[in-house]
Protein backbone atom coordinates (compact mmCIF):
# COMPACT_ATOMS: atom_id res chain seq x y z
CA MET A 1 -9.75 51.38 33.72
CA ASP A 2 -7.20 53.05 36.01
CA PHE A 3 -5.07 50.35 37.62
CA SER A 4 -2.68 52.77 39.30
CA GLU A 5 -5.15 53.54 42.13
CA GLU A 6 -5.32 49.95 43.32
CA GLY A 7 -2.41 48.02 44.77
CA LEU A 8 -1.97 44.73 42.93
CA GLU A 9 0.08 41.61 43.58
CA LEU A 10 0.67 38.46 41.54
CA LYS A 11 -0.49 35.49 43.56
CA GLU A 12 0.67 32.00 42.66
CA ILE A 13 -2.34 29.67 42.50
CA GLN A 14 -0.75 26.47 41.45
CA ARG A 15 2.41 24.95 39.94
CA LEU A 16 1.82 22.28 37.25
CA GLU A 17 4.54 19.66 36.92
CA GLY A 18 4.88 16.75 34.55
CA HIS A 19 6.89 17.90 31.53
CA THR A 20 10.46 16.50 31.57
CA ASP A 21 12.05 19.33 29.58
CA ARG A 22 11.52 23.09 29.08
CA VAL A 23 7.95 24.25 28.48
CA TRP A 24 7.82 26.47 25.41
CA SER A 25 4.25 27.56 24.88
CA LEU A 26 0.76 27.67 26.40
CA ALA A 27 -2.74 28.01 25.04
CA TRP A 28 -6.00 28.46 26.97
CA ASN A 29 -9.03 26.86 25.38
CA PRO A 30 -11.52 29.61 24.38
CA THR A 31 -14.63 27.64 25.31
CA SER A 32 -13.61 25.53 28.34
CA SER A 33 -11.28 25.38 31.34
CA LEU A 34 -8.59 23.46 29.43
CA LEU A 35 -5.00 24.67 29.14
CA ALA A 36 -2.54 23.17 26.65
CA SER A 37 1.23 23.20 27.11
CA CYS A 38 4.01 22.01 24.84
CA SER A 39 7.58 21.13 25.57
CA GLY A 40 11.09 20.03 24.52
CA ASP A 41 10.01 16.58 25.78
CA LYS A 42 8.11 16.13 22.43
CA THR A 43 4.71 16.09 24.18
CA VAL A 44 1.71 18.26 24.64
CA ARG A 45 -0.12 18.22 27.96
CA ILE A 46 -3.76 19.14 28.45
CA TRP A 47 -4.57 20.45 31.89
CA GLN A 48 -8.09 20.70 33.22
CA ARG A 49 -9.51 22.64 36.13
CA SER A 50 -11.66 20.61 38.45
CA SER A 51 -15.02 22.24 39.09
CA SER A 52 -15.13 20.88 42.66
CA THR A 53 -11.60 21.70 43.87
CA SER A 54 -10.77 24.53 41.40
CA SER A 55 -7.29 23.01 41.01
CA TRP A 56 -5.69 21.93 37.73
CA HIS A 57 -4.63 18.39 36.85
CA CYS A 58 -3.20 16.78 33.75
CA LYS A 59 -6.10 15.34 31.75
CA ALA A 60 -4.14 14.03 28.77
CA VAL A 61 -0.62 13.69 27.37
CA LEU A 62 -0.39 13.90 23.59
CA GLU A 63 2.66 11.93 22.63
CA GLU A 64 4.20 9.60 20.04
CA THR A 65 3.27 11.97 17.21
CA HIS A 66 5.99 14.61 17.18
CA THR A 67 9.58 13.32 17.06
CA ARG A 68 11.25 16.54 18.27
CA THR A 69 10.46 19.59 20.47
CA VAL A 70 6.88 20.88 20.29
CA ARG A 71 7.40 24.66 20.05
CA SER A 72 3.89 26.11 19.78
CA CYS A 73 0.25 25.20 20.36
CA ALA A 74 -3.03 26.93 19.51
CA TRP A 75 -6.71 26.08 19.93
CA SER A 76 -9.19 26.74 17.14
CA PRO A 77 -11.86 29.39 17.95
CA SER A 78 -14.43 26.62 18.51
CA GLY A 79 -12.14 25.01 21.09
CA LYS A 80 -12.46 21.63 19.33
CA LEU A 81 -9.14 21.47 17.49
CA LEU A 82 -5.62 21.96 18.79
CA ALA A 83 -2.76 22.70 16.42
CA THR A 84 0.80 21.88 17.51
CA ALA A 85 3.95 23.00 15.72
CA SER A 86 7.15 21.05 16.08
CA PHE A 87 10.87 21.12 15.31
CA ASP A 88 10.21 17.90 13.35
CA ALA A 89 8.94 20.23 10.56
CA THR A 90 5.27 19.19 10.94
CA THR A 91 2.16 20.76 12.45
CA ALA A 92 -0.26 18.26 14.01
CA ILE A 93 -4.04 18.81 14.30
CA TRP A 94 -5.75 17.15 17.27
CA GLU A 95 -9.46 16.81 17.71
CA HIS A 96 -11.13 16.70 21.10
CA ILE A 97 -13.43 13.66 20.70
CA GLY A 98 -15.31 12.69 23.86
CA ASP A 99 -12.62 12.53 26.55
CA ASP A 100 -9.79 11.86 24.15
CA PHE A 101 -7.57 13.77 21.79
CA GLU A 102 -6.89 12.23 18.45
CA CYS A 103 -4.39 13.36 15.83
CA VAL A 104 -6.59 13.81 12.78
CA SER A 105 -4.17 15.55 10.40
CA THR A 106 -0.47 16.28 9.93
CA LEU A 107 0.61 19.31 7.90
CA GLU A 108 3.89 18.89 6.07
CA GLY A 109 5.83 21.21 3.82
CA HIS A 110 8.19 23.34 5.91
CA GLU A 111 11.83 22.45 5.29
CA ASN A 112 12.73 22.46 8.99
CA GLU A 113 11.62 23.55 12.46
CA VAL A 114 8.03 24.95 12.68
CA LYS A 115 8.15 27.72 15.30
CA SER A 116 4.54 28.93 15.64
CA VAL A 117 0.95 28.21 14.65
CA SER A 118 -2.12 30.51 14.73
CA TRP A 119 -5.83 30.30 13.73
CA ASN A 120 -7.77 33.18 12.27
CA ALA A 121 -10.82 34.49 14.14
CA SER A 122 -13.37 32.34 12.24
CA GLY A 123 -11.26 29.19 12.29
CA SER A 124 -11.19 28.96 8.49
CA LEU A 125 -7.46 29.62 8.08
CA LEU A 126 -4.32 28.42 9.87
CA ALA A 127 -0.87 30.01 9.65
CA THR A 128 2.50 28.36 10.37
CA CYS A 129 6.06 29.74 10.27
CA SER A 130 9.45 28.17 10.32
CA ARG A 131 13.18 28.49 10.57
CA ASP A 132 13.04 28.01 6.73
CA LYS A 133 12.05 31.79 6.68
CA SER A 134 8.60 31.10 5.21
CA VAL A 135 5.06 31.64 6.39
CA TRP A 136 2.41 29.16 5.20
CA ILE A 137 -1.33 29.80 5.09
CA TRP A 138 -3.59 26.78 5.18
CA GLU A 139 -7.28 26.65 4.39
CA VAL A 140 -9.37 24.50 6.72
CA LEU A 141 -11.58 22.19 4.62
CA PRO A 142 -14.38 19.80 5.72
CA GLY A 143 -13.26 16.45 7.15
CA ASN A 144 -10.17 17.82 8.83
CA GLU A 145 -8.46 18.42 5.52
CA PHE A 146 -5.99 21.31 5.25
CA GLU A 147 -4.86 22.84 1.95
CA CYS A 148 -1.88 25.17 1.64
CA VAL A 149 -3.18 28.28 -0.15
CA SER A 150 -0.07 30.43 0.07
CA VAL A 151 3.68 30.24 0.89
CA LEU A 152 4.87 33.68 1.92
CA GLN A 153 8.53 34.49 1.37
CA GLY A 154 9.80 37.82 2.61
CA HIS A 155 11.56 37.36 5.91
CA THR A 156 15.31 36.92 5.52
CA GLN A 157 15.76 34.87 8.69
CA ASP A 158 13.99 32.44 11.05
CA VAL A 159 10.34 33.40 11.60
CA LYS A 160 9.58 33.26 15.34
CA MET A 161 5.83 33.82 15.51
CA VAL A 162 2.67 34.17 13.43
CA GLN A 163 -0.48 35.80 14.80
CA TRP A 164 -3.77 36.66 13.07
CA HIS A 165 -5.44 39.98 13.71
CA PRO A 166 -8.33 39.43 16.21
CA THR A 167 -11.09 40.64 13.86
CA MET A 168 -9.73 40.61 10.32
CA ASP A 169 -8.01 38.12 8.03
CA VAL A 170 -4.69 39.98 8.19
CA LEU A 171 -1.65 38.01 9.34
CA PHE A 172 1.37 39.29 11.33
CA SER A 173 4.74 37.57 11.56
CA CYS A 174 7.90 38.48 13.48
CA SER A 175 11.41 37.28 12.90
CA TYR A 176 15.09 36.90 13.68
CA ASP A 177 15.52 39.50 10.91
CA ASN A 178 14.32 42.15 13.47
CA SER A 179 11.12 42.94 11.56
CA ILE A 180 7.39 42.44 11.78
CA LYS A 181 5.64 41.74 8.49
CA ILE A 182 1.96 42.19 7.79
CA TRP A 183 0.29 39.97 5.13
CA ALA A 184 -3.09 40.46 3.51
CA GLU A 185 -5.05 38.96 0.61
CA ASP A 186 -5.27 40.76 -2.66
CA GLY A 187 -8.99 41.04 -3.28
CA ASP A 188 -8.66 40.65 -7.02
CA SER A 189 -6.31 37.71 -7.28
CA ASP A 190 -6.74 35.91 -3.94
CA ASP A 191 -2.95 36.06 -3.56
CA TRP A 192 -1.46 36.81 -0.18
CA HIS A 193 1.28 39.41 -0.12
CA CYS A 194 3.22 41.60 2.32
CA VAL A 195 1.41 44.92 2.76
CA GLN A 196 3.74 46.44 5.37
CA THR A 197 7.02 45.79 7.11
CA LEU A 198 7.55 47.33 10.56
CA GLY A 199 11.16 48.14 11.45
CA GLY A 200 12.58 49.66 14.61
CA HIS A 201 13.60 46.70 16.76
CA THR A 202 17.34 46.22 16.60
CA SER A 203 17.36 42.48 17.37
CA THR A 204 15.09 39.40 17.09
CA VAL A 205 11.37 40.13 17.52
CA TRP A 206 10.09 37.19 19.60
CA ALA A 207 6.38 37.75 19.95
CA LEU A 208 3.45 40.05 19.38
CA SER A 209 -0.07 40.51 20.79
CA PHE A 210 -3.11 42.73 20.12
CA ASN A 211 -5.30 44.77 22.39
CA PRO A 212 -8.94 43.59 22.42
CA GLU A 213 -10.10 46.24 19.94
CA GLY A 214 -7.40 45.27 17.49
CA ASP A 215 -6.21 48.84 16.88
CA LYS A 216 -3.02 48.47 18.94
CA MET A 217 -0.27 45.84 18.93
CA VAL A 218 2.63 45.17 21.26
CA THR A 219 5.89 43.49 20.19
CA CYS A 220 8.77 42.24 22.33
CA SER A 221 12.36 41.74 21.39
CA ASP A 222 15.89 40.56 22.10
CA ASP A 223 16.75 44.27 22.02
CA LEU A 224 15.27 44.49 25.59
CA THR A 225 12.35 46.72 24.53
CA ILE A 226 8.67 46.33 23.97
CA LYS A 227 7.04 48.53 21.32
CA ILE A 228 3.43 49.63 20.99
CA TRP A 229 2.07 50.15 17.48
CA GLU A 230 -1.28 51.55 16.40
CA THR A 231 -3.56 51.73 13.40
CA ASP A 232 -6.70 53.56 12.32
CA ASN A 233 -9.35 50.94 13.18
CA ILE A 234 -12.12 52.90 11.39
CA THR A 235 -10.34 52.51 8.03
CA MET A 236 -9.76 48.84 8.83
CA GLN A 237 -13.38 48.05 9.57
CA GLY A 238 -14.66 50.17 6.69
CA GLY A 239 -12.96 47.87 4.21
CA GLU A 240 -11.39 50.88 2.39
CA GLY A 241 -8.24 48.96 1.70
CA TYR A 242 -5.43 48.36 4.13
CA ALA A 243 -4.82 50.68 7.09
CA LEU A 244 -1.17 51.28 7.88
CA TRP A 245 0.39 50.61 11.31
CA LYS A 246 2.68 53.10 12.93
CA HIS A 247 4.95 53.14 15.93
CA LEU A 248 3.39 54.71 19.01
CA CYS A 249 6.00 54.28 21.79
CA THR A 250 8.91 52.16 23.03
CA LEU A 251 9.25 50.90 26.57
CA SER A 252 12.94 50.50 27.31
CA SER A 253 15.07 50.09 30.44
CA TYR A 254 12.46 47.89 32.12
CA HIS A 255 14.07 44.60 30.99
CA ASP A 256 17.75 43.66 31.15
CA ARG A 257 17.45 40.30 29.40
CA THR A 258 15.63 39.03 26.32
CA ILE A 259 11.82 39.37 26.33
CA PHE A 260 10.36 36.14 24.97
CA SER A 261 6.65 36.53 25.41
CA VAL A 262 4.04 39.30 25.55
CA HIS A 263 0.27 39.12 25.93
CA TRP A 264 -2.32 41.85 26.12
CA SER A 265 -5.28 41.14 28.38
CA ARG A 266 -8.89 42.01 27.58
CA GLU A 267 -8.87 44.68 30.24
CA GLY A 268 -5.72 46.30 28.93
CA ILE A 269 -2.86 44.82 30.98
CA ILE A 270 0.27 43.83 29.01
CA ALA A 271 2.22 40.93 30.56
CA THR A 272 5.77 40.05 29.54
CA GLY A 273 7.88 36.99 30.24
CA ALA A 274 11.66 37.25 29.98
CA ALA A 275 15.09 35.55 30.34
CA ASP A 276 15.57 37.15 33.76
CA ASP A 277 12.93 34.73 35.18
CA ALA A 278 10.55 37.62 35.90
CA ILE A 279 6.99 38.53 34.79
CA ARG A 280 6.16 42.21 34.35
CA PHE A 281 2.86 44.01 33.80
CA PHE A 282 2.38 47.30 31.94
CA VAL A 283 -0.66 49.50 31.61
CA GLU A 284 -1.60 52.65 29.76
CA SER A 285 -0.52 55.74 31.75
CA LYS A 286 -3.58 57.88 32.56
CA ASP A 287 -1.84 60.83 34.31
CA GLY A 288 -2.34 63.07 31.22
CA LEU A 289 1.11 64.60 31.29
CA ILE A 290 2.10 66.31 28.05
CA ASP A 291 5.00 64.28 26.59
CA GLY A 292 4.72 61.91 29.57
CA PRO A 293 5.07 58.16 29.14
CA LEU A 294 2.15 56.54 27.42
CA TYR A 295 2.57 53.22 29.23
CA LYS A 296 4.03 52.42 32.64
CA LEU A 297 5.18 49.46 34.68
CA LEU A 298 2.35 48.26 36.90
CA LEU A 299 4.11 45.40 38.66
CA LYS A 300 7.19 43.22 38.45
CA LYS A 301 7.28 39.66 39.81
CA GLU A 302 10.92 38.71 40.40
CA GLN A 303 11.85 35.01 40.30
CA ALA A 304 8.45 33.99 38.89
CA HIS A 305 10.29 30.88 37.75
CA ASP A 306 13.72 29.35 38.38
CA MET A 307 14.72 29.84 34.73
CA ASP A 308 13.68 31.78 31.57
CA VAL A 309 9.95 32.53 31.21
CA ASN A 310 9.06 31.44 27.66
CA SER A 311 5.36 32.15 27.60
CA VAL A 312 2.77 34.24 29.41
CA GLN A 313 -0.93 33.86 28.54
CA TRP A 314 -4.02 35.51 30.01
CA SER A 315 -7.00 33.21 30.28
CA PHE A 316 -10.24 33.88 28.34
CA GLY A 317 -12.51 33.32 31.30
CA GLU A 318 -11.38 35.01 34.50
CA ASN A 319 -10.00 38.42 33.68
CA ARG A 320 -6.87 38.25 35.80
CA LEU A 321 -5.85 34.64 35.56
CA LEU A 322 -2.42 34.19 33.91
CA ALA A 323 -0.44 31.10 33.01
CA SER A 324 3.34 31.11 32.53
CA ALA A 325 5.73 28.47 31.19
CA SER A 326 9.46 28.19 31.75
CA ASP A 327 12.75 26.49 30.94
CA ASP A 328 12.45 25.09 34.47
CA GLY A 329 9.92 22.58 33.14
CA THR A 330 6.96 23.96 35.08
CA ILE A 331 3.80 25.88 34.32
CA LYS A 332 2.41 28.27 36.89
CA ILE A 333 -1.12 29.60 37.25
CA TRP A 334 -1.25 33.09 38.73
CA GLU A 335 -3.93 35.56 39.71
CA LEU A 336 -3.42 39.31 39.68
CA VAL A 337 -5.23 40.31 42.87
CA SER A 338 -5.87 43.50 44.75
CA ILE A 339 -3.88 43.89 47.91
CA THR A 340 -6.42 44.00 50.68
């Protein structure tokens, strides 16, 4: 789709208030209108959109479980379970039962702060990562039991984010050691190991996201760049072993402060959230110039928040609905709309 022909603007739909400290992370439920947010106030809030008024309200506050900052949250693919990762070194699993959320499991093992949590596409595996430099893979068993099947050592510093590939059981992690590592299971031994390390960023890699097809990935960093990587999807799907990822392009000079969050929408728009309080959107450049830029800035929203933007997340449902979370303690719901 060519976005350059249409004028777009980012319209603020609603500001959600209630957290009493910075909001770190957001997760849209894949099967409903729920949005989860987690904060330095040690709580998780569940926001629901009213079908009658179309506005969001706080449906539940999940508290008195984590004893420190809740850094990351992620819904299972079924939308029934919510995993929350905390600086208290635990990951909690919440089940949506009726109208309530109940903590049904607590995963322990990391030595210190858990920074990120991610479910695989089928919901059979969960990954967590920590300041202890390790990545843990947990198998989801019946009865809300979770068993650690692998502890992956390889990063030399704090691991900031884990993210499963959208279609395959291949895990990606990014770190304060400036690298992205790719982990896969050895078919013969069932052992997980690092199959590739992607270098190129010159400072902390904060986040990564995949395009819908899963053959491209975007990473964002403290080095003020975002990088696009690509792989041969045909090899990946064919099961002929592991397909290598390679660097496609780097988008520099668009950001002048750390980029904390990046998310690729299903229609191909990359959103970034950064320490300059702004949200930016990038799209593939379709002007066909030889040696021209492969991606370009579509739109920049200055002062999207009063402080750092920690998370930007496109919703599953409506194509151009975006949520953002900030150090200012608020969450904002935005819509990318055509200027009429």
